[in-house]
Amino acid sequence: DDVRKAGDAVAAVIAAGIIPAGLEMMDKPM
């Protein structure tokens, strides 16, 4: 419900030592 939370989640996934096969983000207009 907030773009900052989504952005922080991206960094948190990588910081947890996880390398996803794909990690994409889209905002509400898209």
PDB file of all heavy atoms in Angstrom:
ATOM      1  N   ASP A   1       0.811  -1.218   0.000  1.00  0.00           N
ATOM      2  CA  ASP A   1       0.000   0.000   0.000  1.00  0.00           C
ATOM      3  C   ASP A   1       0.843   1.265   0.000  1.00  0.00           C
ATOM      4  O   ASP A   1       0.337   2.377   0.106  1.00  0.00           O
ATOM      5  CB  ASP A   1      -0.955   0.010   1.195  1.00  0.00           C
ATOM      6  CG  ASP A   1      -0.231  -0.078   2.541  1.00  0.00           C
ATOM      7  OD1 ASP A   1       1.023   0.016   2.562  1.00  0.00           O
ATOM      8  OD2 ASP A   1      -0.909  -0.247   3.569  1.00  0.00           O
ATOM      9  N   ASP A   2       2.160   1.078  -0.151  1.00  0.00           N
ATOM     10  CA  ASP A   2       3.077   2.220  -0.133  1.00  0.00           C
ATOM     11  C   ASP A   2       4.307   1.851  -0.959  1.00  0.00           C
ATOM     12  O   ASP A   2       4.862   0.760  -0.793  1.00  0.00           O
ATOM     13  CB  ASP A   2       3.479   2.543   1.309  1.00  0.00           C
ATOM     14  CG  ASP A   2       4.434   3.717   1.407  1.00  0.00           C
ATOM     15  OD1 ASP A   2       3.971   4.868   1.341  1.00  0.00           O
ATOM     16  OD2 ASP A   2       5.654   3.476   1.513  1.00  0.00           O
ATOM     17  N   VAL A   3       4.748   2.746  -1.844  1.00  0.00           N
ATOM     18  CA  VAL A   3       5.882   2.427  -2.709  1.00  0.00           C
ATOM     19  C   VAL A   3       7.181   2.286  -1.914  1.00  0.00           C
ATOM     20  O   VAL A   3       8.069   1.512  -2.285  1.00  0.00           O
ATOM     21  CB  VAL A   3       6.053   3.485  -3.820  1.00  0.00           C
ATOM     22  CG1 VAL A   3       4.899   3.452  -4.789  1.00  0.00           C
ATOM     23  CG2 VAL A   3       6.271   4.877  -3.254  1.00  0.00           C
ATOM     24  N   ARG A   4       7.296   3.009  -0.805  1.00  0.00           N
ATOM     25  CA  ARG A   4       8.523   2.872  -0.014  1.00  0.00           C
ATOM     26  C   ARG A   4       8.607   1.487   0.618  1.00  0.00           C
ATOM     27  O   ARG A   4       9.682   0.899   0.668  1.00  0.00           O
ATOM     28  CB  ARG A   4       8.603   3.967   1.052  1.00  0.00           C
ATOM     29  CG  ARG A   4       9.925   3.932   1.820  1.00  0.00           C
ATOM     30  CD  ARG A   4      10.143   5.180   2.634  1.00  0.00           C
ATOM     31  NE  ARG A   4      10.318   6.374   1.818  1.00  0.00           N
ATOM     32  CZ  ARG A   4      11.446   6.672   1.185  1.00  0.00           C
ATOM     33  NH1 ARG A   4      12.504   5.874   1.262  1.00  0.00           N
ATOM     34  NH2 ARG A   4      11.521   7.776   0.478  1.00  0.00           N
ATOM     35  N   LYS A   5       7.489   0.964   1.058  1.00  0.00           N
ATOM     36  CA  LYS A   5       7.496  -0.395   1.610  1.00  0.00           C
ATOM     37  C   LYS A   5       7.911  -1.403   0.536  1.00  0.00           C
ATOM     38  O   LYS A   5       8.679  -2.337   0.808  1.00  0.00           O
ATOM     39  CB  LYS A   5       6.116  -0.757   2.161  1.00  0.00           C
ATOM     40  CG  LYS A   5       5.697   0.015   3.396  1.00  0.00           C
ATOM     41  CD  LYS A   5       4.295  -0.387   3.829  1.00  0.00           C
ATOM     42  CE  LYS A   5       3.803   0.431   5.020  1.00  0.00           C
ATOM     43  NZ  LYS A   5       2.397   0.062   5.381  1.00  0.00           N
ATOM     44  N   ALA A   6       7.397  -1.214  -0.673  1.00  0.00           N
ATOM     45  CA  ALA A   6       7.748  -2.127  -1.762  1.00  0.00           C
ATOM     46  C   ALA A   6       9.232  -2.027  -2.090  1.00  0.00           C
ATOM     47  O   ALA A   6       9.913  -3.047  -2.283  1.00  0.00           O
ATOM     48  CB  ALA A   6       6.909  -1.825  -2.993  1.00  0.00           C
ATOM     49  N   GLY A   7       9.751  -0.797  -2.163  1.00  0.00           N
ATOM     50  CA  GLY A   7      11.173  -0.614  -2.445  1.00  0.00           C
ATOM     51  C   GLY A   7      12.049  -1.207  -1.356  1.00  0.00           C
ATOM     52  O   GLY A   7      13.062  -1.859  -1.637  1.00  0.00           O
ATOM     53  N   ASP A   8      11.666  -0.994  -0.111  1.00  0.00           N
ATOM     54  CA  ASP A   8      12.435  -1.562   1.002  1.00  0.00           C
ATOM     55  C   ASP A   8      12.383  -3.087   0.980  1.00  0.00           C
ATOM     56  O   ASP A   8      13.347  -3.756   1.368  1.00  0.00           O
ATOM     57  CB  ASP A   8      11.887  -1.040   2.332  1.00  0.00           C
ATOM     58  CG  ASP A   8      12.155   0.448   2.551  1.00  0.00           C
ATOM     59  OD1 ASP A   8      13.006   1.000   1.828  1.00  0.00           O
ATOM     60  OD2 ASP A   8      11.511   1.046   3.434  1.00  0.00           O
ATOM     61  N   ALA A   9      11.259  -3.650   0.515  1.00  0.00           N
ATOM     62  CA  ALA A   9      11.130  -5.103   0.455  1.00  0.00           C
ATOM     63  C   ALA A   9      12.114  -5.706  -0.543  1.00  0.00           C
ATOM     64  O   ALA A   9      12.649  -6.798  -0.322  1.00  0.00           O
ATOM     65  CB  ALA A   9       9.701  -5.490   0.081  1.00  0.00           C
ATOM     66  N   VAL A  10      12.346  -5.004  -1.633  1.00  0.00           N
ATOM     67  CA  VAL A  10      13.320  -5.486  -2.621  1.00  0.00           C
ATOM     68  C   VAL A  10      14.697  -5.605  -1.982  1.00  0.00           C
ATOM     69  O   VAL A  10      15.369  -6.642  -2.092  1.00  0.00           O
ATOM     70  CB  VAL A  10      13.373  -4.533  -3.834  1.00  0.00           C
ATOM     71  CG1 VAL A  10      14.530  -4.914  -4.760  1.00  0.00           C
ATOM     72  CG2 VAL A  10      12.059  -4.573  -4.600  1.00  0.00           C
ATOM     73  N   ALA A  11      15.116  -4.545  -1.311  1.00  0.00           N
ATOM     74  CA  ALA A  11      16.428  -4.568  -0.655  1.00  0.00           C
ATOM     75  C   ALA A  11      16.477  -5.634   0.435  1.00  0.00           C
ATOM     76  O   ALA A  11      17.506  -6.302   0.625  1.00  0.00           O
ATOM     77  CB  ALA A  11      16.734  -3.190  -0.068  1.00  0.00           C
ATOM     78  N   ALA A  12      15.372  -5.831   1.124  1.00  0.00           N
ATOM     79  CA  ALA A  12      15.332  -6.811   2.214  1.00  0.00           C
ATOM     80  C   ALA A  12      15.462  -8.237   1.696  1.00  0.00           C
ATOM     81  O   ALA A  12      16.115  -9.081   2.333  1.00  0.00           O
ATOM     82  CB  ALA A  12      14.034  -6.655   3.010  1.00  0.00           C
ATOM     83  N   VAL A  13      14.856  -8.538   0.555  1.00  0.00           N
ATOM     84  CA  VAL A  13      14.974  -9.883  -0.025  1.00  0.00           C
ATOM     85  C   VAL A  13      16.438 -10.189  -0.349  1.00  0.00           C
ATOM     86  O   VAL A  13      16.949 -11.266  -0.003  1.00  0.00           O
ATOM     87  CB  VAL A  13      14.104 -10.002  -1.299  1.00  0.00           C
ATOM     88  CG1 VAL A  13      14.450 -11.276  -2.067  1.00  0.00           C
ATOM     89  CG2 VAL A  13      12.622 -10.002  -0.940  1.00  0.00           C
ATOM     90  N   ILE A  14      17.123  -9.261  -0.987  1.00  0.00           N
ATOM     91  CA  ILE A  14      18.529  -9.475  -1.338  1.00  0.00           C
ATOM     92  C   ILE A  14      19.385  -9.536  -0.075  1.00  0.00           C
ATOM     93  O   ILE A  14      20.293 -10.364   0.048  1.00  0.00           O
ATOM     94  CB  ILE A  14      19.032  -8.360  -2.269  1.00  0.00           C
ATOM     95  CG1 ILE A  14      18.165  -8.274  -3.530  1.00  0.00           C
ATOM     96  CG2 ILE A  14      20.486  -8.605  -2.646  1.00  0.00           C
ATOM     97  CD1 ILE A  14      18.113  -9.534  -4.351  1.00  0.00           C
ATOM     98  N   ALA A  15      19.079  -8.667   0.899  1.00  0.00           N
ATOM     99  CA  ALA A  15      19.850  -8.658   2.146  1.00  0.00           C
ATOM    100  C   ALA A  15      19.700  -9.961   2.917  1.00  0.00           C
ATOM    101  O   ALA A  15      20.595 -10.336   3.686  1.00  0.00           O
ATOM    102  CB  ALA A  15      19.403  -7.480   3.016  1.00  0.00           C
ATOM    103  N   ALA A  16      18.592 -10.669   2.696  1.00  0.00           N
ATOM    104  CA  ALA A  16      18.375 -11.953   3.371  1.00  0.00           C
ATOM    105  C   ALA A  16      19.167 -13.089   2.733  1.00  0.00           C
ATOM    106  O   ALA A  16      19.061 -14.241   3.159  1.00  0.00           O
ATOM    107  CB  ALA A  16      16.881 -12.293   3.354  1.00  0.00           C
ATOM    108  N   GLY A  17      19.956 -12.750   1.702  1.00  0.00           N
ATOM    109  CA  GLY A  17      20.776 -13.776   1.046  1.00  0.00           C
ATOM    110  C   GLY A  17      20.020 -14.554  -0.010  1.00  0.00           C
ATOM    111  O   GLY A  17      20.475 -15.625  -0.432  1.00  0.00           O
ATOM    112  N   ILE A  18      18.891 -14.040  -0.464  1.00  0.00           N
ATOM    113  CA  ILE A  18      18.083 -14.713  -1.478  1.00  0.00           C
ATOM    114  C   ILE A  18      18.323 -14.049  -2.834  1.00  0.00           C
ATOM    115  O   ILE A  18      18.265 -12.820  -2.944  1.00  0.00           O
ATOM    116  CB  ILE A  18      16.579 -14.621  -1.129  1.00  0.00           C
ATOM    117  CG1 ILE A  18      16.315 -15.186   0.266  1.00  0.00           C
ATOM    118  CG2 ILE A  18      15.737 -15.346  -2.174  1.00  0.00           C
ATOM    119  CD1 ILE A  18      14.913 -14.889   0.782  1.00  0.00           C
ATOM    120  N   ILE A  19      18.615 -14.853  -3.843  1.00  0.00           N
ATOM    121  CA  ILE A  19      18.742 -14.348  -5.207  1.00  0.00           C
ATOM    122  C   ILE A  19      17.612 -14.954  -6.029  1.00  0.00           C
ATOM    123  O   ILE A  19      17.730 -16.070  -6.547  1.00  0.00           O
ATOM    124  CB  ILE A  19      20.107 -14.700  -5.837  1.00  0.00           C
ATOM    125  CG1 ILE A  19      21.251 -14.198  -4.963  1.00  0.00           C
ATOM    126  CG2 ILE A  19      20.203 -14.098  -7.248  1.00  0.00           C
ATOM    127  CD1 ILE A  19      21.309 -12.695  -4.802  1.00  0.00           C
ATOM    128  N   PRO A  20      16.491 -14.259  -6.138  1.00  0.00           N
ATOM    129  CA  PRO A  20      15.360 -14.805  -6.895  1.00  0.00           C
ATOM    130  C   PRO A  20      15.707 -14.947  -8.372  1.00  0.00           C
ATOM    131  O   PRO A  20      16.592 -14.255  -8.893  1.00  0.00           O
ATOM    132  CB  PRO A  20      14.259 -13.766  -6.688  1.00  0.00           C
ATOM    133  CG  PRO A  20      14.713 -12.902  -5.554  1.00  0.00           C
ATOM    134  CD  PRO A  20      16.199 -12.932  -5.592  1.00  0.00           C
ATOM    135  N   ALA A  21      14.983 -15.824  -9.057  1.00  0.00           N
ATOM    136  CA  ALA A  21      15.163 -15.930 -10.502  1.00  0.00           C
ATOM    137  C   ALA A  21      14.709 -14.644 -11.179  1.00  0.00           C
ATOM    138  O   ALA A  21      15.231 -14.256 -12.221  1.00  0.00           O
ATOM    139  CB  ALA A  21      14.364 -17.121 -11.039  1.00  0.00           C
ATOM    140  N   GLY A  22      13.725 -13.972 -10.592  1.00  0.00           N
ATOM    141  CA  GLY A  22      13.277 -12.684 -11.090  1.00  0.00           C
ATOM    142  C   GLY A  22      12.686 -11.880  -9.949  1.00  0.00           C
ATOM    143  O   GLY A  22      12.072 -12.451  -9.038  1.00  0.00           O
ATOM    144  N   LEU A  23      12.882 -10.570  -9.965  1.00  0.00           N
ATOM    145  CA  LEU A  23      12.343  -9.698  -8.917  1.00  0.00           C
ATOM    146  C   LEU A  23      11.982  -8.373  -9.571  1.00  0.00           C
ATOM    147  O   LEU A  23      12.838  -7.528  -9.840  1.00  0.00           O
ATOM    148  CB  LEU A  23      13.377  -9.497  -7.806  1.00  0.00           C
ATOM    149  CG  LEU A  23      12.970  -8.623  -6.610  1.00  0.00           C
ATOM    150  CD1 LEU A  23      11.625  -9.034  -6.041  1.00  0.00           C
ATOM    151  CD2 LEU A  23      14.053  -8.673  -5.532  1.00  0.00           C
ATOM    152  N   GLU A  24      10.696  -8.216  -9.886  1.00  0.00           N
ATOM    153  CA  GLU A  24      10.218  -7.067 -10.657  1.00  0.00           C
ATOM    154  C   GLU A  24       9.226  -6.254  -9.837  1.00  0.00           C
ATOM    155  O   GLU A  24       8.539  -6.783  -8.963  1.00  0.00           O
ATOM    156  CB  GLU A  24       9.539  -7.542 -11.941  1.00  0.00           C
ATOM    157  CG  GLU A  24      10.447  -8.342 -12.854  1.00  0.00           C
ATOM    158  CD  GLU A  24      11.453  -7.472 -13.588  1.00  0.00           C
ATOM    159  OE1 GLU A  24      11.039  -6.487 -14.225  1.00  0.00           O
ATOM    160  OE2 GLU A  24      12.668  -7.780 -13.519  1.00  0.00           O
ATOM    161  N   MET A  25       9.142  -4.980 -10.174  1.00  0.00           N
ATOM    162  CA  MET A  25       8.255  -4.063  -9.451  1.00  0.00           C
ATOM    163  C   MET A  25       7.458  -3.230 -10.453  1.00  0.00           C
ATOM    164  O   MET A  25       7.990  -2.807 -11.483  1.00  0.00           O
ATOM    165  CB  MET A  25       9.087  -3.152  -8.546  1.00  0.00           C
ATOM    166  CG  MET A  25       8.289  -2.148  -7.722  1.00  0.00           C
ATOM    167  SD  MET A  25       9.430  -1.276  -6.582  1.00  0.00           S
ATOM    168  CE  MET A  25       8.344  -0.045  -5.886  1.00  0.00           C
ATOM    169  N   MET A  26       6.184  -3.011 -10.174  1.00  0.00           N
ATOM    170  CA  MET A  26       5.334  -2.140 -10.986  1.00  0.00           C
ATOM    171  C   MET A  26       4.546  -1.222 -10.077  1.00  0.00           C
ATOM    172  O   MET A  26       4.089  -1.649  -9.015  1.00  0.00           O
ATOM    173  CB  MET A  26       4.379  -2.970 -11.846  1.00  0.00           C
ATOM    174  CG  MET A  26       5.042  -3.649 -13.031  1.00  0.00           C
ATOM    175  SD  MET A  26       3.887  -4.630 -14.015  1.00  0.00           S
ATOM    176  CE  MET A  26       3.754  -6.079 -12.994  1.00  0.00           C
ATOM    177  N   ASP A  27       4.372   0.029 -10.499  1.00  0.00           N
ATOM    178  CA  ASP A  27       3.572   0.941  -9.693  1.00  0.00           C
ATOM    179  C   ASP A  27       2.104   0.865 -10.124  1.00  0.00           C
ATOM    180  O   ASP A  27       1.738   0.158 -11.073  1.00  0.00           O
ATOM    181  CB  ASP A  27       4.127   2.365  -9.750  1.00  0.00           C
ATOM    182  CG  ASP A  27       3.981   3.032 -11.115  1.00  0.00           C
ATOM    183  OD1 ASP A  27       3.426   2.403 -12.040  1.00  0.00           O
ATOM    184  OD2 ASP A  27       4.430   4.191 -11.258  1.00  0.00           O
ATOM    185  N   LYS A  28       1.258   1.591  -9.417  1.00  0.00           N
ATOM    186  CA  LYS A  28      -0.192   1.486  -9.622  1.00  0.00           C
ATOM    187  C   LYS A  28      -0.633   1.852 -11.045  1.00  0.00           C
ATOM    188  O   LYS A  28      -1.455   1.128 -11.638  1.00  0.00           O
ATOM    189  CB  LYS A  28      -0.908   2.367  -8.591  1.00  0.00           C
ATOM    190  CG  LYS A  28      -2.412   2.137  -8.510  1.00  0.00           C
ATOM    191  CD  LYS A  28      -3.002   2.888  -7.314  1.00  0.00           C
ATOM    192  CE  LYS A  28      -4.461   2.520  -7.082  1.00  0.00           C
ATOM    193  NZ  LYS A  28      -4.982   3.180  -5.860  1.00  0.00           N
ATOM    194  N   PRO A  29      -0.127   2.948 -11.641  1.00  0.00           N
ATOM    195  CA  PRO A  29      -0.536   3.244 -13.014  1.00  0.00           C
ATOM    196  C   PRO A  29      -0.179   2.141 -14.002  1.00  0.00           C
ATOM    197  O   PRO A  29      -0.948   1.838 -14.919  1.00  0.00           O
ATOM    198  CB  PRO A  29       0.210   4.545 -13.334  1.00  0.00           C
ATOM    199  CG  PRO A  29       0.438   5.185 -12.002  1.00  0.00           C
ATOM    200  CD  PRO A  29       0.689   4.041 -11.064  1.00  0.00           C
ATOM    201  N   MET A  30       0.979   1.502 -13.795  1.00  0.00           N
ATOM    202  CA  MET A  30       1.376   0.444 -14.712  1.00  0.00           C
ATOM    203  C   MET A  30       0.524  -0.804 -14.527  1.00  0.00           C
ATOM    204  O   MET A  30       0.110  -1.447 -15.510  1.00  0.00           O
ATOM    205  CB  MET A  30       2.865   0.106 -14.526  1.00  0.00           C
ATOM    206  CG  MET A  30       3.365  -0.970 -15.481  1.00  0.00           C
ATOM    207  SD  MET A  30       3.165  -0.520 -17.225  1.00  0.00           S
ATOM    208  CE  MET A  30       4.552   0.579 -17.455  1.00  0.00           C
TER     209      MET A  30
END
